[in-house]
Amino acid sequence: MKRLSVLIIIVLVAGLISGCRYAIIEEDSRLVSGWAALAESEGQTLFQIDDINTDFFDNAPPVDFTPKPTDTPKPTREPKPTPTPDPNATEPPIGLHSRDEEGETAVRKLQSELVELGYLDDDPDGNFGSRTLKALKRFQKDHGLKQSGVLDEATEALLFPQPAVTTAPEDVLFSEGSSGRDVRVMQRRLRQYGFYTRSISSIYDEYTADQVQAFQEYAVEHYGTEYDDPMPSEETLTALDAGAGDGASTLDIAIPEMPTLEPEATLRPHHALDGVVSENLYQYLLEDRFPTYRLTVQRGDTGIEVERVQRRLTTLDFYYEDITGEYDKPTAQAMKSFQKRNGLQDTGIADEETQRLLFSEDAAASEQVAQPFYIKVSLDDQRVYVYRWSDGGYNQLIKTMICSTGYGTTTPKGVFVSPGQRDARWHYFAEYQCWAQYAFIIKGNILFHSVIYSGKNEASLRRSTLANLGRKASHGCVRLKVEDAKWIYEHCGEGQVIEIY
């Protein structure tokens, strides 16, 4: 049995060997022949070439025996040298805990500007503390800047604007399109005198030009053109004093001939009532030469003096009604509140004493609720409801406005606190290539604004947007009639609470 098994194994191995071919992996069959010849020369037989199947060598790709290059070792990196501090490196921006060292004034300069703009009540001391931080953040918020609380480049550009730039004639200081600190000073003065109710922007826009023109018309009508005449120079005043003598009468002495003294070219009168500010007009405002009191007004009176009183009471947060020029009950009530707040007898009459304080820098603003209105937007009614603060709450409905909110759910629901107006009068929607008036921010890009225009002019009104008021038709904003959008734009500001439901 064992022999049979061994025999079977031998047969199988023999068959396997006979079915194989010798295979030598080389470049080609000629190399194999060379090996055979070498073997024969030594008296040995390697194998017969004819027995070799050369199909494999004929079809096999050539083998590359070229030695691979040795990898070059990577150079060792040298350690980076420790940077040397740059003595000319820019200092970090002024922020919390910054302070003026001896000979420095940067923090005091910042604080002085914030005081001038009404954001800070403290005297400048050169120490950037929490009150300065809060004031700076309020300024940044009011001007649409990141509320970083540091004096970065964008904040500095608005807080310390460059002088006004204009291409107007030489006797014009600035006009529409100008900007800068001088514009801001002028706006503050017009606001103080009862001719300007919006926030101080430092930009001479269309509204500012309109208020300058209103001031010019008022001044010319009641005080002539003195506001735009150059002040007499020191030389002129000295010459006039010398001519009069010390107590001498003009009947007893001959008046000497006086030289003709002409103002410089940049100070020649500019009497056009065009909303353009000359150097003389600016100096007139800057030096506080405007006669703030002209006549007493009280309940039942009408006219421009009442309008000035109403505007000034508005900027001081005592009056929230429309500027009508009618001294009605709300105006009298607002005047009483002002008088009481400022230590005057609360008669409700705008007499001389009251007006001289009202139109001065010393007038104290109201301490009552900061936001007189509460605005509700009903998506179901397609209406905007405005409530006024009364008897300790927003209890008095004063306005109902028809509107168009967004399709579907594009107008968000909730209670939002507005940062205020978006732009000047006209706002451009780049995505939709259209215009609207009086944009007021609700949240992000969701705005109150007027009906839509194809261009920056009222003649390009898209009448379909007017016809669609009362139903959903916008991309998320709340569209209103022009007069309603204007009312919100002019009467509401930063912190306005808006509820959409």
Protein backbone atom coordinates (compact mmCIF):
# COMPACT_ATOMS: atom_id res chain seq x y z
CA MET A 1 0.00 0.00 0.00
CA LYS A 2 2.83 2.37 0.86
CA ARG A 3 4.56 1.59 -2.43
CA LEU A 4 1.39 2.33 -4.33
CA SER A 5 1.06 5.72 -2.64
CA VAL A 6 4.67 6.61 -3.35
CA LEU A 7 4.25 5.53 -6.97
CA ILE A 8 1.19 7.78 -7.35
CA ILE A 9 3.04 10.76 -5.90
CA ILE A 10 6.02 10.18 -8.24
CA VAL A 11 3.69 10.05 -11.26
CA LEU A 12 2.00 13.31 -10.25
CA VAL A 13 5.29 15.12 -9.72
CA ALA A 14 6.64 13.90 -13.03
CA GLY A 15 3.53 15.14 -14.82
CA LEU A 16 3.80 18.51 -13.19
CA ILE A 17 7.44 18.87 -14.15
CA SER A 18 6.80 17.87 -17.74
CA GLY A 19 4.05 20.52 -18.09
CA CYS A 20 6.32 23.37 -17.07
CA ARG A 21 8.86 25.40 -18.99
CA TYR A 22 12.09 26.78 -17.81
CA ALA A 23 11.64 30.56 -17.59
CA ILE A 24 14.42 33.00 -17.09
CA ILE A 25 13.37 36.63 -16.68
CA GLU A 26 15.91 38.66 -18.64
CA GLU A 27 16.00 41.37 -21.23
CA ASP A 28 15.55 39.01 -24.24
CA SER A 29 16.35 35.48 -25.57
CA ARG A 30 19.78 36.53 -26.84
CA LEU A 31 20.97 36.89 -23.27
CA VAL A 32 19.75 33.36 -22.53
CA SER A 33 21.73 32.07 -25.51
CA GLY A 34 24.81 33.84 -24.16
CA TRP A 35 24.49 32.01 -20.88
CA ALA A 36 24.18 28.69 -22.64
CA ALA A 37 27.28 29.34 -24.73
CA LEU A 38 29.22 30.26 -21.63
CA ALA A 39 28.14 27.03 -19.97
CA GLU A 40 29.27 24.94 -22.98
CA SER A 41 32.67 26.66 -23.06
CA GLU A 42 33.22 25.32 -19.59
CA GLY A 43 32.19 21.85 -20.63
CA GLN A 44 28.67 22.09 -19.20
CA THR A 45 25.31 22.00 -20.86
CA LEU A 46 22.72 24.29 -19.40
CA PHE A 47 19.75 23.44 -21.62
CA GLN A 48 18.70 23.48 -25.25
CA ILE A 49 17.62 26.90 -26.61
CA ASP A 50 15.09 25.22 -28.86
CA ASP A 51 13.31 23.93 -25.82
CA ILE A 52 12.72 27.47 -24.57
CA ASN A 53 9.40 29.16 -25.26
CA THR A 54 10.44 32.72 -26.16
CA ASP A 55 6.94 34.19 -26.49
CA PHE A 56 7.21 35.57 -23.01
CA PHE A 57 10.44 37.46 -23.81
CA ASP A 58 9.13 38.78 -27.10
CA ASN A 59 6.07 40.31 -25.47
CA ALA A 60 7.48 41.38 -22.11
CA PRO A 61 8.33 45.05 -21.58
CA PRO A 62 12.02 45.93 -21.24
CA VAL A 63 13.38 45.96 -17.72
CA ASP A 64 15.21 49.10 -16.60
CA PHE A 65 18.29 48.16 -14.60
CA THR A 66 19.47 51.73 -14.19
CA PRO A 67 20.18 52.27 -10.47
CA LYS A 68 17.91 54.80 -8.79
CA PRO A 69 19.63 57.92 -7.50
CA THR A 70 20.05 58.19 -3.78
CA ASP A 71 17.68 60.75 -2.22
CA THR A 72 19.40 63.95 -1.30
CA PRO A 73 18.82 64.65 2.40
CA LYS A 74 16.68 67.72 3.11
CA PRO A 75 18.59 70.64 4.53
CA THR A 76 18.06 71.34 8.21
CA ARG A 77 15.97 74.47 8.74
CA GLU A 78 17.64 77.21 10.63
CA PRO A 79 15.63 78.59 13.54
CA LYS A 80 13.91 81.92 12.84
CA PRO A 81 15.60 84.83 14.53
CA THR A 82 13.66 86.54 17.30
CA PRO A 83 12.03 89.66 15.77
CA THR A 84 13.40 92.96 16.97
CA PRO A 85 10.66 95.38 18.11
CA ASP A 86 10.04 98.15 15.57
CA PRO A 87 10.39 101.52 17.26
CA ASN A 88 8.13 103.01 14.54
CA ALA A 89 5.34 100.42 14.97
CA THR A 90 1.78 101.77 15.17
CA GLU A 91 0.45 102.12 18.69
CA PRO A 92 -2.66 100.10 19.55
CA PRO A 93 -5.90 102.10 19.25
CA ILE A 94 -7.10 104.07 22.25
CA GLY A 95 -9.51 102.04 24.38
CA LEU A 96 -10.46 101.08 27.90
CA HIS A 97 -7.72 101.85 30.48
CA SER A 98 -5.78 104.04 28.03
CA ARG A 99 -4.49 107.19 29.66
CA ASP A 100 -2.57 110.28 28.70
CA GLU A 101 0.97 110.26 29.97
CA GLU A 102 2.87 113.48 30.51
CA GLY A 103 2.72 115.57 27.34
CA GLU A 104 0.00 113.43 25.70
CA THR A 105 -3.52 114.63 24.88
CA ALA A 106 -5.10 111.86 22.77
CA VAL A 107 -7.58 110.64 25.40
CA ARG A 108 -8.51 114.19 26.43
CA LYS A 109 -9.10 115.08 22.80
CA LEU A 110 -11.42 112.08 22.41
CA GLN A 111 -13.30 112.94 25.60
CA SER A 112 -13.67 116.58 24.55
CA GLU A 113 -15.31 115.54 21.28
CA LEU A 114 -17.68 113.19 23.06
CA VAL A 115 -18.61 115.97 25.48
CA GLU A 116 -19.21 118.39 22.62
CA LEU A 117 -21.47 115.88 20.87
CA GLY A 118 -23.47 115.24 24.02
CA TYR A 119 -22.30 111.64 24.59
CA LEU A 120 -20.24 112.33 27.70
CA ASP A 121 -21.04 114.56 30.68
CA ASP A 122 -17.72 114.29 32.54
CA ASP A 123 -14.88 116.76 32.22
CA PRO A 124 -12.00 115.42 30.09
CA ASP A 125 -9.37 113.98 32.43
CA GLY A 126 -7.19 111.86 30.13
CA ASN A 127 -8.29 108.55 31.67
CA PHE A 128 -10.28 106.17 29.45
CA GLY A 129 -12.70 104.66 31.96
CA SER A 130 -16.05 102.91 31.78
CA ARG A 131 -18.02 106.13 31.17
CA THR A 132 -15.82 107.08 28.24
CA LEU A 133 -16.18 103.53 26.92
CA LYS A 134 -19.97 103.71 27.12
CA ALA A 135 -20.04 107.12 25.44
CA LEU A 136 -17.78 105.96 22.59
CA LYS A 137 -19.90 102.85 22.00
CA ARG A 138 -23.03 105.01 21.82
CA PHE A 139 -21.34 107.22 19.23
CA GLN A 140 -20.34 104.16 17.19
CA LYS A 141 -23.84 102.72 17.36
CA ASP A 142 -25.43 106.02 16.28
CA HIS A 143 -23.16 106.16 13.24
CA GLY A 144 -23.51 102.53 12.13
CA LEU A 145 -20.02 101.49 13.22
CA LYS A 146 -18.88 98.34 14.97
CA GLN A 147 -19.31 98.95 18.69
CA SER A 148 -15.73 98.05 19.53
CA GLY A 149 -15.26 100.69 22.21
CA VAL A 150 -11.87 101.63 20.77
CA LEU A 151 -10.87 104.60 18.65
CA ASP A 152 -10.26 102.68 15.42
CA GLU A 153 -9.75 104.30 12.02
CA ALA A 154 -13.42 104.32 11.02
CA THR A 155 -14.48 105.87 14.34
CA GLU A 156 -11.72 108.45 14.22
CA ALA A 157 -12.71 109.48 10.68
CA LEU A 158 -16.25 110.31 11.85
CA LEU A 159 -15.34 111.69 15.25
CA PHE A 160 -12.62 113.95 13.85
CA PRO A 161 -13.79 114.60 10.27
CA GLN A 162 -11.58 116.45 7.85
CA PRO A 163 -12.42 120.06 6.96
CA ALA A 164 -15.25 120.53 4.53
CA VAL A 165 -14.39 120.12 0.86
CA THR A 166 -16.28 122.12 -1.75
CA THR A 167 -15.86 123.41 -5.27
CA ALA A 168 -18.18 126.36 -4.64
CA PRO A 169 -17.09 130.00 -5.21
CA GLU A 170 -14.53 131.46 -2.84
CA ASP A 171 -17.10 133.23 -0.64
CA VAL A 172 -18.90 129.92 0.06
CA LEU A 173 -17.62 127.82 2.96
CA PHE A 174 -19.62 124.68 2.19
CA SER A 175 -22.77 123.54 0.42
CA GLU A 176 -24.65 120.32 -0.29
CA GLY A 177 -22.17 117.44 -0.52
CA SER A 178 -19.67 118.92 1.96
CA SER A 179 -18.81 117.18 5.20
CA GLY A 180 -16.67 117.62 8.25
CA ARG A 181 -16.42 119.17 11.68
CA ASP A 182 -17.61 122.61 10.54
CA VAL A 183 -20.79 121.08 9.15
CA ARG A 184 -21.39 119.33 12.47
CA VAL A 185 -20.93 122.58 14.43
CA MET A 186 -23.40 124.35 12.16
CA GLN A 187 -25.99 121.57 12.47
CA ARG A 188 -25.75 121.71 16.25
CA ARG A 189 -26.30 125.46 16.22
CA LEU A 190 -29.30 125.21 13.88
CA ARG A 191 -30.70 122.51 16.15
CA GLN A 192 -30.24 124.79 19.15
CA TYR A 193 -32.06 127.66 17.41
CA GLY A 194 -35.07 125.56 16.43
CA PHE A 195 -34.35 124.98 12.74
CA TYR A 196 -33.04 121.39 12.75
CA THR A 197 -34.57 118.30 14.37
CA ARG A 198 -32.62 115.33 13.02
CA SER A 199 -29.50 113.73 14.48
CA ILE A 200 -26.16 115.44 13.90
CA SER A 201 -24.52 113.77 10.90
CA SER A 202 -21.59 116.06 9.93
CA ILE A 203 -22.82 115.68 6.33
CA TYR A 204 -24.29 118.61 4.43
CA ASP A 205 -27.18 116.71 2.86
CA GLU A 206 -30.45 117.84 1.27
CA TYR A 207 -32.20 118.17 4.63
CA THR A 208 -29.40 120.33 6.04
CA ALA A 209 -29.51 122.58 2.97
CA ASP A 210 -33.28 122.99 3.41
CA GLN A 211 -32.87 123.98 7.06
CA VAL A 212 -30.07 126.44 6.25
CA GLN A 213 -32.33 128.05 3.66
CA ALA A 214 -35.18 128.22 6.21
CA PHE A 215 -32.81 129.95 8.64
CA GLN A 216 -31.69 132.39 5.93
CA GLU A 217 -35.28 133.27 5.05
CA TYR A 218 -36.17 133.76 8.72
CA ALA A 219 -33.11 135.92 9.39
CA VAL A 220 -33.63 138.12 6.34
CA GLU A 221 -37.33 138.59 7.09
CA HIS A 222 -36.84 139.58 10.73
CA TYR A 223 -33.29 140.89 11.02
CA GLY A 224 -32.24 141.92 7.52
CA THR A 225 -28.98 140.64 6.06
CA GLU A 226 -26.85 141.22 9.15
CA TYR A 227 -26.35 137.48 9.49
CA ASP A 228 -24.35 137.40 6.27
CA ASP A 229 -22.43 140.68 6.53
CA PRO A 230 -18.79 140.64 7.63
CA MET A 231 -18.02 141.76 11.16
CA PRO A 232 -16.16 145.09 11.34
CA SER A 233 -12.45 144.54 11.73
CA GLU A 234 -10.46 145.73 14.73
CA GLU A 235 -8.94 148.47 12.54
CA THR A 236 -12.40 149.73 11.60
CA LEU A 237 -13.59 149.82 15.20
CA THR A 238 -10.40 151.61 16.31
CA ALA A 239 -10.78 154.17 13.54
CA LEU A 240 -14.41 154.82 14.46
CA ASP A 241 -13.50 155.24 18.11
CA ALA A 242 -10.74 157.72 17.24
CA GLY A 243 -13.11 159.73 15.07
CA ALA A 244 -15.66 160.13 17.85
CA GLY A 245 -13.10 161.36 20.44
CA ASP A 246 -13.42 161.10 24.19
CA GLY A 247 -16.90 162.34 24.90
CA ALA A 248 -16.75 165.04 22.20
CA SER A 249 -19.91 166.01 20.37
CA THR A 250 -20.07 165.81 16.62
CA LEU A 251 -21.46 169.37 16.71
CA ASP A 252 -18.24 170.72 18.23
CA ILE A 253 -15.56 169.00 16.14
CA ALA A 254 -15.03 168.22 12.53
CA ILE A 255 -15.29 164.53 11.72
CA PRO A 256 -12.09 163.44 10.01
CA GLU A 257 -12.37 161.74 6.66
CA MET A 258 -12.32 157.99 7.18
CA PRO A 259 -10.54 155.61 4.84
CA THR A 260 -12.69 153.20 2.89
CA LEU A 261 -12.28 149.79 4.48
CA GLU A 262 -13.41 146.89 2.38
CA PRO A 263 -13.86 143.33 3.65
CA GLU A 264 -11.65 140.68 2.18
CA ALA A 265 -12.94 138.74 -0.81
CA THR A 266 -13.71 135.65 1.22
CA LEU A 267 -15.93 137.68 3.53
CA ARG A 268 -18.09 139.56 1.03
CA PRO A 269 -21.85 139.30 1.70
CA HIS A 270 -23.63 136.29 0.28
CA HIS A 271 -27.30 137.22 0.58
CA ALA A 272 -28.77 134.60 -1.74
CA LEU A 273 -31.37 132.48 0.08
CA ASP A 274 -30.08 129.26 -1.42
CA GLY A 275 -29.16 127.00 1.49
CA VAL A 276 -25.45 127.64 0.92
CA VAL A 277 -23.25 128.65 3.86
CA SER A 278 -20.84 131.54 3.42
CA GLU A 279 -17.95 132.23 5.75
CA ASN A 280 -19.94 135.12 7.23
CA LEU A 281 -23.00 132.98 7.93
CA TYR A 282 -20.88 130.32 9.58
CA GLN A 283 -19.16 132.87 11.83
CA TYR A 284 -22.54 134.36 12.70
CA LEU A 285 -23.72 130.94 13.91
CA LEU A 286 -20.42 130.03 15.55
CA GLU A 287 -20.25 133.27 17.56
CA ASP A 288 -23.84 132.86 18.78
CA ARG A 289 -24.92 136.28 17.51
CA PHE A 290 -28.43 135.17 16.52
CA PRO A 291 -31.19 136.92 18.60
CA THR A 292 -32.98 133.85 19.96
CA TYR A 293 -35.97 135.75 21.34
CA ARG A 294 -38.27 137.84 19.16
CA LEU A 295 -41.73 137.65 20.70
CA THR A 296 -43.73 135.72 23.32
CA VAL A 297 -46.01 132.95 22.06
CA GLN A 298 -48.67 131.02 23.92
CA ARG A 299 -51.73 128.82 23.39
CA GLY A 300 -53.76 129.98 20.39
CA ASP A 301 -50.80 131.60 18.57
CA THR A 302 -49.56 130.41 15.18
CA GLY A 303 -46.57 131.05 12.96
CA ILE A 304 -42.85 130.57 12.59
CA GLU A 305 -42.04 131.34 16.25
CA VAL A 306 -44.35 128.51 17.33
CA GLU A 307 -42.62 126.20 14.84
CA ARG A 308 -39.22 127.06 16.33
CA VAL A 309 -40.52 126.38 19.84
CA GLN A 310 -41.99 123.03 18.74
CA ARG A 311 -38.79 121.96 16.98
CA ARG A 312 -36.61 122.80 19.97
CA LEU A 313 -38.97 121.02 22.36
CA THR A 314 -38.80 118.03 20.00
CA THR A 315 -35.00 117.84 20.09
CA LEU A 316 -35.12 118.01 23.89
CA ASP A 317 -37.64 115.12 24.05
CA PHE A 318 -40.54 117.12 25.45
CA TYR A 319 -42.70 117.27 22.30
CA TYR A 320 -43.61 114.34 20.05
CA GLU A 321 -46.32 115.73 17.79
CA ASP A 322 -46.04 117.04 14.24
CA ILE A 323 -44.49 120.48 13.72
CA THR A 324 -47.68 122.42 12.89
CA GLY A 325 -46.92 126.01 13.89
CA GLU A 326 -50.04 125.96 16.08
CA TYR A 327 -49.58 126.54 19.81
CA ASP A 328 -52.14 123.94 20.91
CA LYS A 329 -52.67 121.95 24.10
CA PRO A 330 -49.87 119.38 23.48
CA THR A 331 -47.44 122.26 22.83
CA ALA A 332 -48.46 124.01 26.04
CA GLN A 333 -48.11 120.78 28.01
CA ALA A 334 -44.66 120.18 26.54
CA MET A 335 -43.67 123.75 27.45
CA LYS A 336 -44.81 123.25 31.03
CA SER A 337 -42.70 120.10 31.26
CA PHE A 338 -39.68 121.99 29.92
CA GLN A 339 -40.16 124.86 32.36
CA LYS A 340 -40.54 122.52 35.31
CA ARG A 341 -37.48 120.50 34.31
CA ASN A 342 -35.39 123.68 33.96
CA GLY A 343 -36.47 125.42 37.18
CA LEU A 344 -38.83 127.96 35.62
CA GLN A 345 -42.40 128.75 36.53
CA ASP A 346 -44.49 126.20 34.60
CA THR A 347 -46.95 128.58 32.92
CA GLY A 348 -46.93 126.87 29.54
CA ILE A 349 -46.18 130.25 27.94
CA ALA A 350 -43.02 130.75 25.88
CA ASP A 351 -42.05 134.13 27.28
CA GLU A 352 -38.67 135.85 26.91
CA GLU A 353 -37.03 134.17 29.90
CA THR A 354 -38.23 130.75 28.78
CA GLN A 355 -37.12 131.17 25.16
CA ARG A 356 -33.67 132.49 26.04
CA LEU A 357 -33.08 129.30 28.01
CA LEU A 358 -34.90 127.06 25.52
CA PHE A 359 -32.69 128.18 22.60
CA SER A 360 -29.44 128.01 24.57
CA GLU A 361 -26.85 125.32 25.14
CA ASP A 362 -27.87 125.17 28.80
CA ALA A 363 -31.39 123.83 28.13
CA ALA A 364 -31.89 120.54 29.99
CA ALA A 365 -33.56 117.69 28.09
CA SER A 366 -36.44 115.59 29.36
CA GLU A 367 -35.77 112.80 31.84
CA GLN A 368 -38.91 110.89 30.93
CA VAL A 369 -39.22 107.72 28.84
CA ALA A 370 -36.67 107.73 26.02
CA GLN A 371 -39.06 106.29 23.42
CA PRO A 372 -42.42 108.06 23.27
CA PHE A 373 -43.88 105.59 20.75
CA TYR A 374 -44.48 101.86 20.43
CA ILE A 375 -45.01 100.51 16.90
CA LYS A 376 -46.98 97.38 16.07
CA VAL A 377 -47.16 95.74 12.62
CA SER A 378 -50.09 93.36 11.98
CA LEU A 379 -49.36 90.84 9.20
CA ASP A 380 -53.04 89.84 9.11
CA ASP A 381 -54.40 93.39 8.96
CA GLN A 382 -51.55 94.74 6.80
CA ARG A 383 -51.54 97.76 9.05
CA VAL A 384 -49.00 99.60 11.21
CA TYR A 385 -50.25 100.93 14.54
CA VAL A 386 -48.40 103.66 16.47
CA TYR A 387 -49.07 104.05 20.19
CA ARG A 388 -47.91 106.97 22.34
CA TRP A 389 -46.77 106.81 25.95
CA SER A 390 -49.61 108.03 28.19
CA ASP A 391 -50.52 107.48 31.83
CA GLY A 392 -47.60 105.18 32.47
CA GLY A 393 -47.88 103.03 29.33
CA TYR A 394 -48.24 102.97 25.55
CA ASN A 395 -51.99 103.37 25.78
CA GLN A 396 -52.88 105.99 23.19
CA LEU A 397 -53.25 104.92 19.53
CA ILE A 398 -52.28 107.94 17.47
CA LYS A 399 -51.68 106.57 13.95
CA THR A 400 -52.87 103.72 11.74
CA MET A 401 -50.95 103.20 8.49
CA ILE A 402 -51.79 100.87 5.61
CA CYS A 403 -48.80 98.78 4.54
CA SER A 404 -47.48 95.90 2.45
CA THR A 405 -45.40 93.27 4.25
CA GLY A 406 -43.44 90.42 2.65
CA TYR A 407 -44.67 87.37 0.78
CA GLY A 408 -44.98 84.22 2.85
CA THR A 409 -42.83 84.43 5.95
CA THR A 410 -40.22 86.87 4.63
CA THR A 411 -41.29 89.49 7.19
CA PRO A 412 -40.08 88.13 10.56
CA LYS A 413 -42.30 88.06 13.63
CA GLY A 414 -41.06 89.26 17.00
CA VAL A 415 -40.12 92.34 19.00
CA PHE A 416 -37.18 94.32 17.64
CA VAL A 417 -35.20 97.36 18.79
CA SER A 418 -34.27 99.60 15.88
CA PRO A 419 -30.84 101.23 15.42
CA GLY A 420 -32.61 104.10 13.61
CA GLN A 421 -32.59 105.60 10.13
CA ARG A 422 -30.78 103.75 7.32
CA ASP A 423 -29.72 106.52 4.96
CA ALA A 424 -30.55 110.00 3.86
CA ARG A 425 -33.92 110.49 2.18
CA TRP A 426 -33.40 108.04 -0.71
CA HIS A 427 -32.37 104.41 -0.27
CA TYR A 428 -31.19 102.18 -3.14
CA PHE A 429 -31.91 98.43 -3.24
CA ALA A 430 -29.04 97.11 -5.36
CA GLU A 431 -30.41 93.57 -5.51
CA TYR A 432 -33.70 94.71 -7.03
CA GLN A 433 -32.40 97.87 -8.77
CA CYS A 434 -35.01 100.20 -7.34
CA TRP A 435 -35.35 103.10 -4.90
CA ALA A 436 -37.47 104.00 -1.89
CA GLN A 437 -37.74 106.98 0.44
CA TYR A 438 -37.25 107.29 4.21
CA ALA A 439 -35.76 103.90 5.07
CA PHE A 440 -35.92 103.09 8.78
CA ILE A 441 -34.36 99.88 10.10
CA ILE A 442 -36.53 97.28 11.83
CA LYS A 443 -33.94 94.49 11.89
CA GLY A 444 -30.96 93.95 9.59
CA ASN A 445 -32.19 94.47 6.03
CA ILE A 446 -35.86 94.53 7.06
CA LEU A 447 -36.96 98.15 6.83
CA PHE A 448 -39.87 100.52 6.94
CA HIS A 449 -39.78 102.49 3.70
CA SER A 450 -42.00 104.18 1.14
CA VAL A 451 -43.47 102.70 -2.01
CA ILE A 452 -41.00 101.86 -4.79
CA TYR A 453 -39.42 104.03 -7.51
CA SER A 454 -37.45 103.09 -10.61
CA GLY A 455 -35.13 106.05 -10.12
CA LYS A 456 -34.10 108.57 -7.52
CA ASN A 457 -37.03 110.84 -8.27
CA GLU A 458 -40.74 110.93 -7.47
CA ALA A 459 -41.74 110.88 -11.15
CA SER A 460 -40.49 107.29 -11.43
CA LEU A 461 -43.03 105.89 -8.94
CA ARG A 462 -43.99 102.28 -9.58
CA ARG A 463 -47.72 102.72 -9.22
CA SER A 464 -48.33 99.02 -8.71
CA THR A 465 -46.58 99.23 -5.33
CA LEU A 466 -49.00 101.96 -4.29
CA ALA A 467 -51.98 99.93 -5.51
CA ASN A 468 -50.75 96.86 -3.62
CA LEU A 469 -50.77 98.55 -0.21
CA GLY A 470 -53.04 96.54 2.06
CA ARG A 471 -51.76 93.13 0.95
CA LYS A 472 -48.49 91.22 1.05
CA ALA A 473 -46.30 92.35 -1.82
CA SER A 474 -42.72 92.98 -0.66
CA HIS A 475 -39.55 90.93 -0.21
CA GLY A 476 -39.76 91.29 3.58
CA CYS A 477 -39.71 95.03 4.25
CA VAL A 478 -42.77 97.00 5.36
CA ARG A 479 -43.83 99.37 2.59
CA LEU A 480 -45.80 102.49 3.46
CA LYS A 481 -47.22 105.59 1.88
CA VAL A 482 -44.55 108.27 1.53
CA GLU A 483 -46.06 110.47 4.23
CA ASP A 484 -46.25 107.54 6.68
CA ALA A 485 -42.66 106.43 6.01
CA LYS A 486 -41.55 110.02 6.47
CA TRP A 487 -43.36 110.27 9.81
CA ILE A 488 -41.56 107.22 11.21
CA TYR A 489 -38.25 108.44 9.77
CA GLU A 490 -38.59 111.87 11.42
CA HIS A 491 -40.25 110.95 14.73
CA CYS A 492 -38.55 107.69 15.67
CA GLY A 493 -34.89 106.95 16.28
CA GLU A 494 -32.40 104.62 17.86
CA GLY A 495 -34.01 102.31 20.40
CA GLN A 496 -37.46 102.41 18.82
CA VAL A 497 -39.34 99.24 19.75
CA ILE A 498 -41.24 97.52 16.90
CA GLU A 499 -43.48 94.50 17.35
CA ILE A 500 -44.44 92.39 14.34
CA TYR A 501 -47.16 89.80 14.91
